[in-house]
Protein backbone atom coordinates (compact mmCIF):
# COMPACT_ATOMS: atom_id res chain seq x y z
CA UNK A 1 61.56 6.61 66.75
CA UNK A 2 62.07 5.56 63.07
CA UNK A 3 64.63 2.87 63.09
CA UNK A 4 66.56 4.22 60.12
CA UNK A 5 66.51 7.84 62.25
CA UNK A 6 68.04 5.81 64.88
CA UNK A 7 70.92 4.34 63.10
CA UNK A 8 71.77 7.45 61.42
CA UNK A 9 71.90 9.52 64.78
CA UNK A 10 73.87 6.31 66.27
CA UNK A 11 76.47 6.15 63.56
CA UNK A 12 77.00 9.82 63.35
CA UNK A 13 77.59 10.10 67.23
CA UNK A 14 79.94 7.32 67.06
CA UNK A 15 81.92 9.02 64.12
CA UNK A 16 82.02 12.29 66.06
CA UNK A 17 83.50 10.13 69.02
CA UNK A 18 80.92 11.13 71.52
CA UNK A 19 80.32 7.36 72.36
CA UNK A 20 82.54 4.44 71.93
CA UNK A 21 81.81 1.96 69.20
CA UNK A 22 80.79 -0.85 71.83
CA UNK A 23 78.14 1.66 73.47
CA UNK A 24 77.14 2.24 70.00
CA UNK A 25 76.36 -1.49 68.95
CA UNK A 26 74.96 -2.02 72.36
CA UNK A 27 71.34 -1.72 71.86
CA UNK A 28 71.31 -3.02 68.22
CA UNK A 29 72.86 -6.24 69.47
CA UNK A 30 69.74 -6.80 71.65
CA UNK A 31 67.26 -5.71 69.18
CA UNK A 32 66.82 -8.98 67.00
CA UNK A 33 63.54 -8.48 66.43
CA UNK A 34 62.05 -5.18 64.51
CA UNK A 35 59.44 -3.95 62.63
CA UNK A 36 61.74 -4.16 59.50
CA UNK A 37 62.64 -7.10 57.82
CA UNK A 38 66.36 -8.34 57.61
CA UNK A 39 66.76 -6.90 54.13
CA UNK A 40 64.94 -3.58 55.06
CA UNK A 41 67.31 -3.61 58.04
CA UNK A 42 70.80 -4.23 56.14
CA UNK A 43 69.36 -1.70 53.66
CA UNK A 44 69.21 0.79 56.21
CA UNK A 45 72.54 0.23 57.66
CA UNK A 46 74.15 0.52 54.32
CA UNK A 47 72.47 3.94 53.79
CA UNK A 48 73.45 4.99 57.29
CA UNK A 49 77.24 4.18 57.37
CA UNK A 50 77.45 5.21 53.45
CA UNK A 51 76.25 8.58 54.52
CA UNK A 52 78.45 8.62 58.05
CA UNK A 53 81.66 7.96 55.68
CA UNK A 54 81.20 10.61 53.22
CA UNK A 55 82.02 12.90 56.53
CA UNK A 56 85.22 10.74 57.34
CA UNK A 57 88.30 12.76 57.87
CA UNK A 58 91.32 11.48 55.81
CA UNK A 59 94.80 11.66 57.59
CA UNK A 60 97.49 13.27 55.70
CA UNK A 61 100.05 14.16 58.42
CA UNK A 62 103.22 11.84 59.28
CA UNK A 63 104.10 11.21 62.87
CA UNK A 64 107.31 9.84 64.33
CA UNK A 65 107.21 7.12 67.03
CA UNK A 66 110.41 6.20 69.02
CA UNK A 67 110.41 2.24 69.27
CA UNK A 68 110.30 1.15 72.70
CA UNK A 69 109.54 -2.66 72.16
CA UNK A 70 109.89 -4.49 69.05
CA UNK A 71 106.54 -6.27 69.22
CA UNK A 72 103.35 -6.45 67.49
CA UNK A 73 101.69 -5.21 70.32
CA UNK A 74 104.11 -1.90 70.64
CA UNK A 75 102.91 -1.11 66.73
CA UNK A 76 99.41 -1.78 67.15
CA UNK A 77 98.66 -0.55 70.62
CA UNK A 78 100.97 2.16 71.14
CA UNK A 79 101.11 3.55 67.32
CA UNK A 80 98.34 2.46 65.11
CA UNK A 81 95.51 2.27 67.31
CA UNK A 82 96.48 4.97 70.00
CA UNK A 83 96.89 7.53 67.23
CA UNK A 84 93.93 6.46 65.39
CA UNK A 85 95.82 5.58 62.40
CA UNK A 86 93.90 2.40 61.96
CA UNK A 87 90.17 2.81 63.09
CA UNK A 88 88.55 0.22 65.71
CA UNK A 89 84.73 1.25 65.06
CA UNK A 90 81.33 0.30 64.28
CA UNK A 91 82.18 0.49 60.81
CA UNK A 92 85.27 -2.00 61.07
CA UNK A 93 82.87 -4.38 63.10
CA UNK A 94 80.31 -4.51 60.14
CA UNK A 95 82.70 -4.46 57.53
CA UNK A 96 83.52 -7.85 59.11
CA UNK A 97 80.20 -9.27 58.24
CA UNK A 98 80.45 -11.28 55.06
CA UNK A 99 77.12 -10.39 53.72
CA UNK A 100 77.44 -6.63 54.76
CA UNK A 101 81.07 -6.13 53.36
CA UNK A 102 79.84 -7.17 49.72
CA UNK A 103 76.62 -5.17 49.79
CA UNK A 104 78.15 -1.89 51.37
CA UNK A 105 80.74 -1.92 48.79
CA UNK A 106 78.25 -2.52 46.14
CA UNK A 107 76.42 0.86 47.54
CA UNK A 108 79.62 2.91 47.51
CA UNK A 109 81.09 1.89 44.14
CA UNK A 110 78.59 0.07 41.74
CA UNK A 111 80.05 -2.85 39.70
CA UNK A 112 82.38 -3.65 42.33
CA UNK A 113 80.30 -6.99 42.67
CA UNK A 114 82.37 -8.15 39.62
CA UNK A 115 85.38 -8.55 42.07
CA UNK A 116 83.45 -11.12 44.42
CA UNK A 117 81.99 -14.55 43.54
CA UNK A 118 77.95 -14.12 43.28
CA UNK A 119 76.80 -13.41 46.90
CA UNK A 120 73.51 -13.08 48.57
CA UNK A 121 71.51 -13.23 51.57
CA UNK A 122 70.47 -17.02 51.89
CA UNK A 123 66.92 -15.99 53.24
CA UNK A 124 66.55 -13.66 49.93
CA UNK A 125 67.49 -16.73 47.95
CA UNK A 126 65.15 -18.70 49.35
CA UNK A 127 62.50 -16.25 48.91
CA UNK A 128 63.60 -15.85 45.22
CA UNK A 129 63.58 -19.38 44.49
CA UNK A 130 59.96 -19.64 46.12
CA UNK A 131 61.00 -21.89 48.93
CA UNK A 132 60.19 -19.34 51.78
CA UNK A 133 57.34 -17.08 51.72
CA UNK A 134 56.79 -13.44 52.56
CA UNK A 135 56.16 -14.24 56.37
CA UNK A 136 59.48 -16.01 56.57
CA UNK A 137 58.30 -19.55 56.67
CA UNK A 138 59.43 -22.49 54.76
CA UNK A 139 56.58 -23.39 52.15
CA UNK A 140 56.20 -27.19 52.96
CA UNK A 141 55.00 -27.85 49.30
CA UNK A 142 58.20 -26.59 47.90
CA UNK A 143 61.05 -28.31 50.12
CA UNK A 144 61.54 -31.63 48.90
CA UNK A 145 64.95 -32.85 48.25
CA UNK A 146 64.27 -32.46 44.68
CA UNK A 147 62.92 -28.85 44.42
CA UNK A 148 65.47 -27.52 46.62
CA UNK A 149 68.45 -29.24 44.71
CA UNK A 150 66.76 -28.04 41.43
CA UNK A 151 66.55 -24.40 42.88
CA UNK A 152 70.56 -24.54 43.74
CA UNK A 153 71.54 -25.91 40.27
CA UNK A 154 69.48 -22.93 38.65
CA UNK A 155 70.76 -20.11 40.78
CA UNK A 156 74.12 -21.62 41.12
CA UNK A 157 75.11 -23.93 38.24
CA UNK A 158 78.66 -23.85 39.11
CA UNK A 159 78.24 -24.83 42.70
CA UNK A 160 77.43 -23.24 45.97
CA UNK A 161 78.87 -22.48 49.43
CA UNK A 162 76.22 -21.47 52.30
CA UNK A 163 78.27 -20.15 55.12
CA UNK A 164 77.85 -18.14 58.26
CA UNK A 165 77.95 -14.22 57.75
CA UNK A 166 79.99 -13.90 60.88
CA UNK A 167 82.86 -15.75 62.27
CA UNK A 168 86.79 -16.21 61.69
CA UNK A 169 89.21 -18.92 61.50
CA UNK A 170 86.32 -21.30 61.24
CA UNK A 171 88.16 -23.85 58.74
CA UNK A 172 85.07 -24.49 56.89
CA UNK A 173 83.05 -25.09 60.26
CA UNK A 174 79.12 -24.47 59.81
CA UNK A 175 79.93 -24.45 55.90
CA UNK A 176 77.99 -26.37 53.24
CA UNK A 177 80.09 -26.84 50.38
CA UNK A 178 78.41 -28.53 47.39
CA UNK A 179 76.40 -30.59 49.53
CA UNK A 180 72.88 -30.10 48.86
CA UNK A 181 71.70 -33.21 50.65
CA UNK A 182 72.90 -31.82 54.20
CA UNK A 183 71.80 -28.35 53.46
CA UNK A 184 68.34 -29.78 52.38
CA UNK A 185 68.20 -31.98 55.47
CA UNK A 186 69.12 -29.04 57.97
CA UNK A 187 66.94 -26.53 55.91
CA UNK A 188 63.68 -28.78 56.39
CA UNK A 189 64.42 -29.99 59.90
CA UNK A 190 66.14 -27.09 61.57
CA UNK A 191 64.53 -24.32 59.36
CA UNK A 192 64.98 -21.56 62.32
CA UNK A 193 68.60 -22.19 61.94
CA UNK A 194 68.57 -20.21 58.97
CA UNK A 195 65.22 -18.26 58.99
CA UNK A 196 65.23 -17.30 62.74
CA UNK A 197 61.31 -17.05 63.99
CA UNK A 198 59.66 -14.85 61.33
CA UNK A 199 60.18 -12.45 58.91
CA UNK A 200 61.18 -9.84 61.39
CA UNK A 201 63.70 -11.99 63.12
CA UNK A 202 67.40 -10.65 62.83
CA UNK A 203 70.58 -12.66 63.70
CA UNK A 204 73.28 -11.48 65.52
CA UNK A 205 76.63 -13.35 66.41
CA UNK A 206 78.73 -13.83 69.31
CA UNK A 207 81.59 -12.35 67.40
CA UNK A 208 80.06 -9.16 65.95
CA UNK A 209 76.65 -8.97 67.62
CA UNK A 210 73.90 -7.40 64.97
CA UNK A 211 75.36 -6.78 61.92
CA UNK A 212 73.70 -7.60 58.33
CA UNK A 213 70.96 -9.38 60.31
CA UNK A 214 71.64 -12.42 58.37
CA UNK A 215 73.02 -15.66 60.09
CA UNK A 216 73.46 -17.29 56.29
CA UNK A 217 74.84 -16.13 52.86
CA UNK A 218 74.90 -18.43 49.81
CA UNK A 219 77.94 -17.91 47.53
CA UNK A 220 79.04 -18.91 44.03
CA UNK A 221 81.38 -21.89 44.43
CA UNK A 222 85.09 -20.92 42.78
CA UNK A 223 86.59 -24.21 41.33
CA UNK A 224 89.39 -24.37 39.06
CA UNK A 225 88.49 -25.99 35.42
CA UNK A 226 90.15 -29.53 36.45
CA UNK A 227 88.71 -29.35 40.04
CA UNK A 228 90.00 -29.48 43.46
CA UNK A 229 90.74 -26.30 45.80
CA UNK A 230 91.83 -23.10 43.90
CA UNK A 231 95.12 -21.31 44.99
CA UNK A 232 94.25 -19.06 47.87
CA UNK A 233 96.19 -15.94 48.86
CA UNK A 234 96.08 -13.50 51.71
CA UNK A 235 96.87 -9.74 50.65
CA UNK A 236 97.09 -7.26 53.36
CA UNK A 237 95.84 -3.52 52.79
CA UNK A 238 96.25 -0.02 54.43
CA UNK A 239 93.70 2.65 53.28
CA UNK A 240 93.39 2.53 49.68
CA UNK A 241 96.82 0.69 48.82
CA UNK A 242 98.01 -2.82 49.06
CA UNK A 243 100.77 -3.58 51.44
CA UNK A 244 103.45 -4.28 49.04
CA UNK A 245 105.03 -7.67 49.52
CA UNK A 246 102.87 -8.89 52.32
CA UNK A 247 101.13 -11.38 50.02
CA UNK A 248 101.02 -14.87 51.09
CA UNK A 249 99.76 -18.16 50.06
CA UNK A 250 97.08 -19.30 52.42
CA UNK A 251 98.49 -22.83 52.62
CA UNK A 252 102.16 -22.03 52.47
CA UNK A 253 102.47 -23.67 49.14
CA UNK A 254 105.58 -22.76 47.42
CA UNK A 255 104.23 -23.31 43.92
CA UNK A 256 101.78 -20.25 44.58
CA UNK A 257 103.89 -17.63 44.02
CA UNK A 258 101.54 -15.15 41.82
CA UNK A 259 101.84 -12.46 44.43
CA UNK A 260 102.28 -9.52 42.12
CA UNK A 261 99.23 -10.58 40.10
CA UNK A 262 97.33 -11.01 43.28
CA UNK A 263 98.41 -7.54 44.51
CA UNK A 264 97.43 -5.78 41.10
CA UNK A 265 94.10 -7.28 41.20
CA UNK A 266 93.49 -6.27 44.63
CA UNK A 267 94.95 -2.54 43.99
CA UNK A 268 92.68 -2.12 40.97
CA UNK A 269 89.67 -3.46 43.24
CA UNK A 270 90.80 -0.56 45.88
CA UNK A 271 91.10 1.97 43.32
CA UNK A 272 87.84 2.04 42.72
CA UNK A 273 86.34 2.44 46.13
CA UNK A 274 85.68 6.08 47.38
CA UNK A 275 88.47 7.04 49.89
CA UNK A 276 86.23 7.27 52.62
CA UNK A 277 85.36 3.66 52.47
CA UNK A 278 88.95 2.73 52.84
CA UNK A 279 90.11 5.66 55.33
CA UNK A 280 91.83 4.39 58.48
CA UNK A 281 90.57 0.77 57.41
CA UNK A 282 93.30 -2.27 57.43
CA UNK A 283 92.19 -5.28 55.87
CA UNK A 284 93.20 -8.72 55.06
CA UNK A 285 91.35 -9.85 51.63
CA UNK A 286 91.30 -13.91 51.01
CA UNK A 287 92.00 -13.98 47.23
CA UNK A 288 91.40 -17.03 44.81
CA UNK A 289 92.74 -17.98 41.60
CA UNK A 290 90.09 -19.59 39.81
CA UNK A 291 91.83 -19.74 36.48
CA UNK A 292 94.83 -17.81 35.13
CA UNK A 293 94.52 -13.99 35.40
CA UNK A 294 90.96 -14.90 36.51
CA UNK A 295 90.77 -14.04 40.43
CA UNK A 296 87.95 -13.35 42.91
CA UNK A 297 87.82 -11.90 46.65
CA UNK A 298 86.17 -14.41 49.03
CA UNK A 299 86.01 -12.13 52.07
CA UNK A 300 87.59 -9.19 53.62
CA UNK A 301 88.84 -9.69 57.18
CA UNK A 302 88.80 -6.66 59.55
CA UNK A 303 89.51 -6.22 63.16
CA UNK A 304 85.77 -6.71 63.92
CA UNK A 305 85.45 -3.34 65.90
CA UNK A 306 88.11 -4.12 68.37
CA UNK A 307 91.66 -2.82 68.74
CA UNK A 308 93.22 -6.20 67.82
CA UNK A 309 95.08 -7.92 64.57
CA UNK A 310 93.02 -7.74 61.67
CA UNK A 311 94.68 -10.84 60.02
CA UNK A 312 96.13 -13.89 61.49
CA UNK A 313 99.10 -13.21 59.57
CA UNK A 314 100.19 -10.31 61.93
CA UNK A 315 101.91 -12.82 64.36
CA UNK A 316 104.50 -12.92 61.61
CA UNK A 317 107.61 -10.83 62.06
CA UNK A 318 107.87 -10.63 57.98
CA UNK A 319 104.05 -9.08 57.98
CA UNK A 320 105.29 -6.50 60.81
CA UNK A 321 108.27 -5.85 58.59
CA UNK A 322 106.10 -5.34 55.35
CA UNK A 323 103.64 -3.29 57.25
CA UNK A 324 106.37 -0.83 58.60
CA UNK A 325 107.95 -0.39 55.49
CA UNK A 326 104.45 0.43 53.89
CA UNK A 327 103.49 3.18 56.43
CA UNK A 328 106.69 4.81 56.19
CA UNK A 329 106.82 4.58 52.41
CA UNK A 330 103.84 6.48 52.09
CA UNK A 331 104.29 8.99 54.65
CA UNK A 332 102.08 7.36 57.12
CA UNK A 333 104.34 7.20 60.04
CA UNK A 334 108.16 7.23 61.08
CA UNK A 335 109.74 4.80 63.39
CA UNK A 336 112.75 6.09 65.33
CA UNK A 337 115.45 4.76 67.80
CA UNK A 338 117.83 1.71 67.92
CA UNK A 339 114.86 -0.95 67.69
CA UNK A 340 113.29 0.87 64.48
CA UNK A 341 115.41 -1.14 62.19
CA UNK A 342 114.35 -4.35 64.02
CA UNK A 343 110.89 -3.84 62.20
CA UNK A 344 112.22 -3.20 58.94
CA UNK A 345 114.27 -5.92 58.87
CA UNK A 346 111.29 -8.42 59.44
CA UNK A 347 112.56 -9.57 62.97
CA UNK A 348 110.24 -7.63 65.27
CA UNK A 349 108.30 -10.26 67.53
CA UNK A 350 110.43 -12.90 65.66
CA UNK A 351 110.62 -15.27 68.93
CA UNK A 352 106.81 -14.53 69.48
CA UNK A 353 106.06 -15.80 66.32
CA UNK A 354 108.40 -19.04 66.69
CA UNK A 355 106.52 -19.68 69.98
CA UNK A 356 103.28 -19.49 68.40
CA UNK A 357 103.52 -21.36 65.13
CA UNK A 358 106.81 -23.49 65.53
CA UNK A 359 110.28 -23.06 64.24
CA UNK A 360 109.59 -25.63 61.25
CA UNK A 361 106.42 -23.47 60.20
CA UNK A 362 108.10 -20.04 60.34
CA UNK A 363 111.27 -21.39 58.71
CA UNK A 364 108.70 -22.70 55.69
CA UNK A 365 106.98 -19.41 55.78
CA UNK A 366 110.29 -17.67 55.44
CA UNK A 367 111.89 -19.80 52.47
CA UNK A 368 108.94 -18.40 50.75
CA UNK A 369 108.70 -14.83 51.79
CA UNK A 370 112.36 -13.66 53.07
CA UNK A 371 114.90 -16.44 52.12
CA UNK A 372 117.81 -14.53 53.60
CA UNK A 373 116.26 -14.62 56.96
CA UNK A 374 115.23 -18.15 57.03
CA UNK A 375 118.98 -19.04 56.18
CA UNK A 376 120.12 -16.93 59.05
CA UNK A 377 118.12 -18.51 61.24
CA UNK A 378 118.98 -21.99 59.99
CA UNK A 379 122.41 -21.38 60.64
CA UNK A 380 121.73 -20.14 63.87
CA UNK A 381 119.97 -23.34 64.97
CA UNK A 382 121.65 -25.66 67.49
């Protein structure tokens, strides 16, 4: 059977709910050698899911839920996932792949790439730079350190980041950040790490299985004019809207307070996407401020196709409160019962948050995001 036809059938069956997302992705995870190249496979995936998403039903009915446990697990498991308010699917799995997400969004919303730094498959970059041939092999006469460095400087004059397409909470592990020497060394000595066995080799990961089919991407380096690390924020969204007041400084820097500007930037981004691309999708976007008023989305975090949190920040009672208020404000749901107010007042799961992150870290976060609750906790400390 033609591979693109198989992908279409699989995606549509998954969308109809006849098989689970895990079942749908199983065969694909095993098939790492295909007749198509990685780029052809990626294009086919994008076409398949762009078509399937156009048939996505967009929920409008508001439901009420009595809160029986003021915890994150109750909100996620008993409400958002049980009622399919948030979708855990093959689509949300693929959208966690850093290359797929950019290429998919470019397909459904031409011009959207301006919201991201320049991003492309590392293998496609190597081909364009004349370093890899059509058979997927490194050209030995084009891989001296000087030649590769010249190609990097030509295509990425502002600097580059080469990083895995999959993975989360990496802390930069596996990244090559403006480190041409290390990249060239590994490219020459471990070519299969980046290229696989041949042009028809598709990478799969422990986290996502077979997603974009690529193991690495290359992305434009974003640095402030004065150098150093730019301010970075996590902006949370549900469907086509930013979750108001839920934006955080990634490094809890009190000086990084351009939350409203970040939210406006991301809302502008979301408003350009078709509704079916964001329907039932909950995201955490990492956004950097390159210069005043100049922002870029580094990546989009999703639930990776599982009924789990889509952002590590959801351990925070502050985040659970912001999400609850947002969903109620926009008529998505209504929490009822004596414990409902615990969510609205940023106190749901507070003890679990303190156990996980530590008292001082929680206070530091709340001083930025909910000073009144931080003061209340400080008053209660023995």
